Amino acid sequence: MKIITVVGARPQFVKAAVVSRAIAKHNETSKGEKLVEKIVHTGQHFDENMSAVFFDQMDIPRPHYNLEVNNLSHGAMTGQMLEKIEEVLLQENPDWVLVYGDTNSTVAGALAAKKLHIKVAHVEAGLRSFNMGMPEEINRILTDRISDILFCPTKTAIENLKNEGYTNIDIIQILSGDVMYDAALYYMNQAMRPNGIENIKGFVLSTIHRQENTDDQGKLKVIFEALEEIAQQQKVVLPLHPRTRKKLHEFQILPSKNVKILEPVGYFEMIWLLMHCSCVITDSGGLQKEAFFFKRPCITVREETEWVELIQNDVNFLTGSNKERMIDAYNSSREKNINFEIDLYGSGNTGEKIINALVAHLASSN
């Protein structure tokens, strides 16, 4: 059985590595048919940090194909990916195409496969922000609808699909758990202290990078005003995204010394920061979950989130770019006795569930 995995951004490589390890484990233990995986990197996010060290340290298979499609508009990027992925699929003739998340690479991989009548599996299916202004939301919805198997990380994702009528559609939906929880468990013993915070104890970890926050001068100003006020109580450590750095300079927003600016950090450094911080303030999607994995409350500087179960269970506080709400959420997170023992994202065996389901489905259809 041959699987083509399509990825385009660094977080997708981390997610895909979970399933790649499950494939290797299957091949070591199964007496049946072996699995062959080939990884296609669309090049969507050109990332200088994706060097040999990235693959070696994180035990991630290197891509077999690099399509080098980046720095284009959404339409041009998706179109070029579609064309180039189709060439790979015609050459490889896989049984499955496996896609992750909600990027242009995700929808391009799914569409290229579906047009060639190749089965599509979508990992992180069923997520919804209900904001059609987000390109990611469009990608999620389209990919779900043309997939053959949907691996849903949460009960909320299953419920979203049910509400959209998927019980009447011939698409398999599986509550698989979250591959990023598998990854967090696998990598937590490799956490590395970032440079520049040797003498800092008891801090708030923050990341701000979403375009709707960084490119709006008013929003960015309010967010940093809130961070400055919070930093009067606890130092704020902020690995700074290049886009945010550029906009801070452009808008002449100058953080004080209480907001410790770091260069962008790798995954191992981010795990260390999560393990040692008191709480997280972010507009990232993935970091909201990772805060939960490491039992840290999270304040989300967005108007909506795909991970609504975190809000419902009072481990995540949705504030938008509102200073008073951010500060109130920070104070509330310090006062509340938060339960992190709830089972929201599976038991750390999502990769194995995915591979077992793909093997079983193909066997039953042959």
Protein backbone atom coordinates (compact mmCIF):
# COMPACT_ATOMS: atom_id res chain seq x y z
CA MET A 1 0.00 0.00 0.00
CA LYS A 2 1.41 3.35 -1.04
CA ILE A 3 0.63 6.64 0.70
CA ILE A 4 1.49 10.08 -0.64
CA THR A 5 1.65 12.65 2.16
CA VAL A 6 1.25 16.28 1.09
CA VAL A 7 2.60 18.99 3.41
CA GLY A 8 3.54 22.61 2.94
CA ALA A 9 4.40 24.21 6.28
CA ARG A 10 6.66 23.38 9.20
CA PRO A 11 3.81 22.45 11.63
CA GLN A 12 2.49 20.01 9.03
CA PHE A 13 5.85 18.22 8.98
CA VAL A 14 5.61 17.75 12.76
CA LYS A 15 2.08 16.35 12.40
CA ALA A 16 3.03 14.12 9.48
CA ALA A 17 6.02 12.77 11.42
CA VAL A 18 3.59 11.26 13.94
CA VAL A 19 1.94 9.23 11.18
CA SER A 20 5.30 8.38 9.56
CA ARG A 21 6.41 6.82 12.85
CA ALA A 22 3.14 4.86 12.98
CA ILE A 23 3.85 3.59 9.45
CA ALA A 24 7.32 2.46 10.52
CA LYS A 25 5.86 0.72 13.57
CA HIS A 26 3.26 -1.01 11.39
CA ASN A 27 5.96 -2.27 9.02
CA GLU A 28 8.02 -3.60 11.94
CA THR A 29 5.18 -5.47 13.60
CA SER A 30 2.77 -6.44 10.82
CA LYS A 31 3.07 -9.74 9.03
CA GLY A 32 0.85 -8.45 6.26
CA GLU A 33 1.43 -5.97 3.48
CA LYS A 34 4.06 -3.29 4.11
CA LEU A 35 3.27 0.40 3.72
CA VAL A 36 5.26 2.76 1.52
CA GLU A 37 5.07 6.50 2.22
CA LYS A 38 6.39 9.26 -0.01
CA ILE A 39 6.28 12.85 1.22
CA VAL A 40 5.56 15.79 -1.07
CA HIS A 41 6.60 19.24 0.20
CA THR A 42 4.77 21.91 -1.79
CA GLY A 43 7.15 24.60 -0.54
CA GLN A 44 4.21 26.78 0.54
CA HIS A 45 6.03 28.24 3.51
CA PHE A 46 9.66 28.78 2.63
CA ASP A 47 11.38 28.26 5.96
CA GLU A 48 15.13 28.57 6.41
CA ASN A 49 14.79 26.72 9.72
CA MET A 50 13.84 23.57 7.80
CA SER A 51 17.46 22.53 7.46
CA ALA A 52 18.97 19.09 7.90
CA VAL A 53 19.08 19.79 11.65
CA PHE A 54 15.28 20.21 11.71
CA PHE A 55 14.74 16.77 10.17
CA ASP A 56 17.50 15.04 12.14
CA GLN A 57 16.65 16.46 15.57
CA MET A 58 12.93 15.87 15.21
CA ASP A 59 13.22 12.43 13.62
CA ILE A 60 11.19 13.59 10.63
CA PRO A 61 11.49 11.90 7.23
CA ARG A 62 12.80 14.17 4.51
CA PRO A 63 10.45 14.91 1.60
CA HIS A 64 10.84 12.88 -1.57
CA TYR A 65 9.56 15.78 -3.67
CA ASN A 66 9.93 19.54 -3.16
CA LEU A 67 7.64 21.47 -5.50
CA GLU A 68 9.00 24.91 -4.47
CA VAL A 69 5.69 26.74 -4.87
CA ASN A 70 5.68 29.86 -2.66
CA ASN A 71 5.42 33.67 -2.56
CA LEU A 72 2.35 33.74 -4.81
CA SER A 73 -1.26 34.85 -4.42
CA HIS A 74 -3.74 32.27 -3.09
CA GLY A 75 -5.07 31.46 -6.56
CA ALA A 76 -1.71 31.25 -8.30
CA MET A 77 -0.20 29.21 -5.47
CA THR A 78 -3.06 26.72 -5.32
CA GLY A 79 -3.12 26.40 -9.11
CA GLN A 80 0.60 25.65 -9.38
CA MET A 81 0.39 23.16 -6.52
CA LEU A 82 -2.52 21.41 -8.18
CA GLU A 83 -0.60 21.05 -11.42
CA LYS A 84 2.62 19.81 -9.79
CA ILE A 85 0.96 17.45 -7.29
CA GLU A 86 -1.00 15.89 -10.15
CA GLU A 87 2.29 15.11 -11.93
CA VAL A 88 3.59 13.35 -8.82
CA LEU A 89 0.38 11.35 -8.37
CA LEU A 90 0.38 10.21 -11.99
CA GLN A 91 3.96 9.02 -11.56
CA GLU A 92 3.49 7.34 -8.15
CA ASN A 93 -0.08 5.99 -8.48
CA PRO A 94 -0.72 5.80 -4.70
CA ASP A 95 -3.57 4.12 -2.85
CA TRP A 96 -4.03 7.10 -0.53
CA VAL A 97 -3.24 10.80 -0.46
CA LEU A 98 -2.93 12.07 3.10
CA VAL A 99 -3.39 15.79 3.81
CA TYR A 100 -3.22 17.80 7.04
CA GLY A 101 -4.99 20.83 8.40
CA ASP A 102 -6.13 23.83 6.41
CA THR A 103 -3.44 25.30 4.16
CA ASN A 104 -3.48 25.82 0.39
CA SER A 105 -1.31 22.69 0.22
CA THR A 106 -4.08 20.75 1.96
CA VAL A 107 -6.84 21.63 -0.48
CA ALA A 108 -4.54 21.35 -3.53
CA GLY A 109 -3.41 17.85 -2.51
CA ALA A 110 -6.98 16.70 -1.88
CA LEU A 111 -8.30 18.15 -5.14
CA ALA A 112 -5.47 16.74 -7.27
CA ALA A 113 -6.08 13.27 -5.82
CA LYS A 114 -9.85 13.40 -6.11
CA LYS A 115 -9.69 14.40 -9.80
CA LEU A 116 -7.57 11.27 -10.38
CA HIS A 117 -9.95 9.05 -8.35
CA ILE A 118 -7.33 8.47 -5.65
CA LYS A 119 -8.62 8.11 -2.08
CA VAL A 120 -8.11 11.12 0.19
CA ALA A 121 -7.67 11.11 3.97
CA HIS A 122 -7.88 14.42 5.85
CA VAL A 123 -6.19 14.69 9.25
CA GLU A 124 -7.59 17.47 11.50
CA ALA A 125 -10.96 17.30 9.77
CA GLY A 126 -14.20 18.87 10.95
CA LEU A 127 -12.68 21.98 12.52
CA ARG A 128 -14.64 25.20 12.03
CA SER A 129 -14.06 28.81 13.08
CA PHE A 130 -17.28 29.85 11.29
CA ASN A 131 -15.40 32.80 9.83
CA MET A 132 -15.49 32.59 6.04
CA GLY A 133 -13.14 35.55 5.87
CA MET A 134 -10.33 33.16 6.83
CA PRO A 135 -8.67 31.34 3.89
CA GLU A 136 -8.11 28.42 6.27
CA GLU A 137 -11.85 28.02 6.81
CA ILE A 138 -12.46 27.74 3.08
CA ASN A 139 -9.66 25.16 2.77
CA ARG A 140 -11.06 23.07 5.64
CA ILE A 141 -14.58 22.96 4.27
CA LEU A 142 -13.55 22.10 0.71
CA THR A 143 -11.07 19.42 1.82
CA ASP A 144 -13.57 17.75 4.13
CA ARG A 145 -16.19 17.53 1.41
CA ILE A 146 -13.97 15.76 -1.14
CA SER A 147 -12.21 13.37 1.25
CA ASP A 148 -12.95 9.66 1.71
CA ILE A 149 -11.94 9.48 5.38
CA LEU A 150 -12.08 12.34 7.87
CA PHE A 151 -9.88 11.99 10.95
CA CYS A 152 -11.46 14.30 13.51
CA PRO A 153 -9.36 15.40 16.50
CA THR A 154 -12.31 16.22 18.79
CA LYS A 155 -15.94 15.45 19.51
CA THR A 156 -16.70 19.04 18.49
CA ALA A 157 -15.30 18.34 15.03
CA ILE A 158 -17.55 15.28 14.70
CA GLU A 159 -20.52 17.40 15.78
CA ASN A 160 -19.65 20.10 13.22
CA LEU A 161 -19.77 17.53 10.43
CA LYS A 162 -23.05 16.13 11.71
CA ASN A 163 -24.56 19.64 11.67
CA GLU A 164 -23.40 20.05 8.06
CA GLY A 165 -25.20 16.88 6.97
CA TYR A 166 -22.23 14.53 6.74
CA THR A 167 -24.31 11.69 8.19
CA ASN A 168 -26.04 11.68 4.78
CA ILE A 169 -22.78 11.68 2.80
CA ASP A 170 -20.70 8.59 2.01
CA ILE A 171 -17.59 9.81 3.83
CA ILE A 172 -16.16 7.94 6.83
CA GLN A 173 -15.72 10.05 9.97
CA ILE A 174 -13.43 8.81 12.74
CA LEU A 175 -12.82 10.38 16.14
CA SER A 176 -9.07 9.85 16.07
CA GLY A 177 -7.68 12.27 18.63
CA ASP A 178 -5.08 14.90 17.81
CA VAL A 179 -1.72 14.12 16.18
CA MET A 180 -0.20 17.14 17.92
CA TYR A 181 -0.84 15.52 21.29
CA ASP A 182 1.13 12.50 20.06
CA ALA A 183 3.90 14.90 19.00
CA ALA A 184 3.94 16.75 22.32
CA LEU A 185 4.33 13.48 24.24
CA TYR A 186 7.07 12.27 21.88
CA TYR A 187 9.16 15.45 21.95
CA MET A 188 8.68 16.75 25.49
CA ASN A 189 11.88 15.12 26.77
CA GLN A 190 13.86 17.02 24.13
CA ALA A 191 12.82 20.49 25.32
CA MET A 192 15.59 23.10 25.03
CA ARG A 193 15.92 26.40 26.90
CA PRO A 194 16.02 29.27 24.35
CA ASN A 195 18.90 31.68 24.34
CA GLY A 196 18.32 34.95 26.16
CA ILE A 197 16.14 33.91 29.12
CA GLU A 198 18.70 32.32 31.41
CA ASN A 199 17.75 34.51 34.38
CA ILE A 200 13.98 34.66 33.89
CA LYS A 201 11.67 32.77 36.23
CA GLY A 202 7.88 32.81 36.30
CA PHE A 203 6.82 34.39 33.01
CA VAL A 204 3.93 34.71 30.60
CA LEU A 205 4.57 33.27 27.13
CA SER A 206 3.11 35.25 24.24
CA THR A 207 3.06 34.92 20.45
CA ILE A 208 1.31 37.40 18.16
CA HIS A 209 1.50 36.88 14.40
CA ARG A 210 -1.93 36.74 12.74
CA GLN A 211 -2.37 39.28 9.97
CA GLU A 212 -5.65 40.66 11.34
CA ASN A 213 -3.78 41.63 14.52
CA THR A 214 -0.39 42.69 13.18
CA ASP A 215 -1.55 44.73 10.19
CA ASP A 216 -4.14 46.75 12.13
CA GLN A 217 -2.30 49.52 13.96
CA GLY A 218 -5.10 50.02 16.48
CA LYS A 219 -5.35 46.33 17.34
CA LEU A 220 -1.60 45.84 17.62
CA LYS A 221 -1.29 48.90 19.86
CA VAL A 222 -4.05 47.65 22.19
CA ILE A 223 -2.55 44.14 22.37
CA PHE A 224 0.85 45.50 23.39
CA GLU A 225 -0.71 47.88 25.89
CA ALA A 226 -2.32 44.85 27.54
CA LEU A 227 0.96 42.90 27.45
CA GLU A 228 2.75 45.86 29.07
CA GLU A 229 0.20 46.00 31.90
CA ILE A 230 0.39 42.25 32.45
CA ALA A 231 4.19 42.53 32.42
CA GLN A 232 3.95 44.72 35.52
CA GLN A 233 2.90 41.55 37.37
CA GLN A 234 4.92 38.91 35.47
CA LYS A 235 7.55 39.28 32.80
CA VAL A 236 6.24 38.55 29.31
CA VAL A 237 8.43 36.47 26.99
CA LEU A 238 7.61 37.07 23.33
CA PRO A 239 9.27 35.10 20.49
CA LEU A 240 8.73 37.70 17.77
CA HIS A 241 7.41 36.76 14.33
CA PRO A 242 9.15 38.71 11.50
CA ARG A 243 5.81 40.20 10.38
CA THR A 244 5.09 41.45 13.91
CA ARG A 245 8.60 42.89 14.25
CA LYS A 246 8.18 44.79 10.99
CA LYS A 247 4.81 46.21 12.01
CA LEU A 248 5.99 47.23 15.50
CA HIS A 249 8.74 49.22 13.83
CA GLU A 250 6.38 50.68 11.22
CA PHE A 251 3.78 51.73 13.82
CA GLN A 252 6.48 52.88 16.29
CA ILE A 253 5.26 50.59 19.05
CA LEU A 254 8.22 50.12 21.38
CA PRO A 255 7.91 47.31 23.98
CA SER A 256 9.48 47.95 27.39
CA LYS A 257 12.13 45.78 29.01
CA ASN A 258 9.37 43.93 30.87
CA VAL A 259 8.40 42.39 27.53
CA LYS A 260 11.36 40.17 26.69
CA ILE A 261 11.69 39.92 22.91
CA LEU A 262 13.21 36.70 21.53
CA GLU A 263 14.08 35.70 18.01
CA PRO A 264 11.65 33.11 16.58
CA VAL A 265 12.18 29.78 18.36
CA GLY A 266 12.09 26.19 17.19
CA TYR A 267 9.68 23.52 18.36
CA PHE A 268 11.94 22.20 21.15
CA GLU A 269 12.44 25.72 22.51
CA MET A 270 8.70 26.37 22.38
CA ILE A 271 8.07 23.20 24.37
CA TRP A 272 10.54 24.43 27.03
CA LEU A 273 8.76 27.79 27.19
CA LEU A 274 5.39 26.03 27.56
CA MET A 275 6.71 23.81 30.32
CA HIS A 276 8.08 26.77 32.29
CA CYS A 277 5.58 29.58 31.74
CA SER A 278 2.59 30.38 33.95
CA CYS A 279 0.16 31.03 31.09
CA VAL A 280 0.01 31.70 27.35
CA ILE A 281 -1.29 34.73 25.43
CA THR A 282 -1.50 34.03 21.70
CA ASP A 283 -3.37 34.34 18.43
CA SER A 284 -1.95 31.03 17.19
CA GLY A 285 -4.22 28.06 16.55
CA GLY A 286 -1.74 25.32 17.43
CA LEU A 287 -0.36 26.97 20.55
CA GLN A 288 -3.83 27.03 22.13
CA LYS A 289 -3.84 23.23 22.15
CA GLU A 290 -0.21 22.92 23.15
CA ALA A 291 -0.87 25.13 26.17
CA PHE A 292 -3.53 22.60 27.20
CA PHE A 293 -1.19 19.65 26.57
CA PHE A 294 1.28 21.20 29.02
CA LYS A 295 -1.43 22.22 31.50
CA ARG A 296 -1.20 25.98 31.01
CA PRO A 297 -4.17 28.38 30.75
CA CYS A 298 -4.38 30.24 27.46
CA ILE A 299 -5.67 33.69 26.51
CA THR A 300 -6.55 33.78 22.81
CA VAL A 301 -6.35 37.18 21.13
CA ARG A 302 -8.92 36.36 18.44
CA GLU A 303 -12.66 36.73 18.00
CA GLU A 304 -13.16 33.01 17.35
CA THR A 305 -11.30 29.71 17.60
CA GLU A 306 -11.55 26.28 16.01
CA TRP A 307 -10.80 24.71 19.39
CA VAL A 308 -14.10 25.62 21.06
CA GLU A 309 -13.86 22.74 23.55
CA LEU A 310 -11.02 24.64 25.26
CA ILE A 311 -13.34 27.62 25.76
CA GLN A 312 -16.20 25.41 26.91
CA ASN A 313 -14.00 23.77 29.55
CA ASP A 314 -12.60 27.08 30.87
CA VAL A 315 -8.99 26.36 30.00
CA ASN A 316 -8.88 28.98 27.21
CA PHE A 317 -10.19 32.55 27.34
CA LEU A 318 -11.27 34.23 24.10
CA THR A 319 -10.69 37.98 24.33
CA GLY A 320 -10.10 39.43 20.89
CA SER A 321 -7.81 42.47 20.75
CA ASN A 322 -9.48 44.06 23.77
CA LYS A 323 -7.21 45.36 26.52
CA GLU A 324 -9.66 45.06 29.41
CA ARG A 325 -10.76 41.55 28.41
CA MET A 326 -7.14 40.42 28.03
CA ILE A 327 -6.19 41.70 31.48
CA ASP A 328 -9.36 40.31 33.08
CA ALA A 329 -8.67 36.91 31.48
CA TYR A 330 -5.08 36.95 32.75
CA ASN A 331 -6.22 37.71 36.30
CA SER A 332 -8.99 35.13 36.07
CA SER A 333 -6.59 32.45 34.83
CA ARG A 334 -4.42 33.01 37.92
CA GLU A 335 -7.35 32.76 40.30
CA LYS A 336 -9.25 29.82 38.79
CA ASN A 337 -8.63 26.20 39.70
CA ILE A 338 -8.48 24.87 36.15
CA ASN A 339 -9.01 21.17 35.39
CA PHE A 340 -6.48 19.99 32.79
CA GLU A 341 -7.22 16.29 33.30
CA ILE A 342 -10.20 16.22 30.92
CA ASP A 343 -9.81 14.05 27.83
CA LEU A 344 -10.19 16.38 24.85
CA TYR A 345 -7.59 15.20 22.32
CA GLY A 346 -7.18 11.46 22.70
CA SER A 347 -4.65 9.25 24.43
CA GLY A 348 -1.50 9.87 22.39
CA ASN A 349 -2.07 7.03 19.90
CA THR A 350 -3.68 9.01 17.07
CA GLY A 351 -0.99 8.10 14.52
CA GLU A 352 -1.63 4.38 15.01
CA LYS A 353 -5.40 4.89 14.75
CA ILE A 354 -4.97 6.67 11.42
CA ILE A 355 -2.78 3.98 9.88
CA ASN A 356 -4.97 1.12 11.15
CA ALA A 357 -8.03 2.80 9.64
CA LEU A 358 -6.37 3.36 6.25
CA VAL A 359 -5.18 -0.25 6.08
CA ALA A 360 -8.58 -1.62 7.15
CA HIS A 361 -10.52 0.57 4.72
CA LEU A 362 -8.35 -0.37 1.75
CA ALA A 363 -8.57 -4.08 2.65
CA SER A 364 -12.37 -3.94 2.85
CA SER A 365 -12.69 -2.13 -0.50
CA ASN A 366 -10.47 -4.54 -2.43
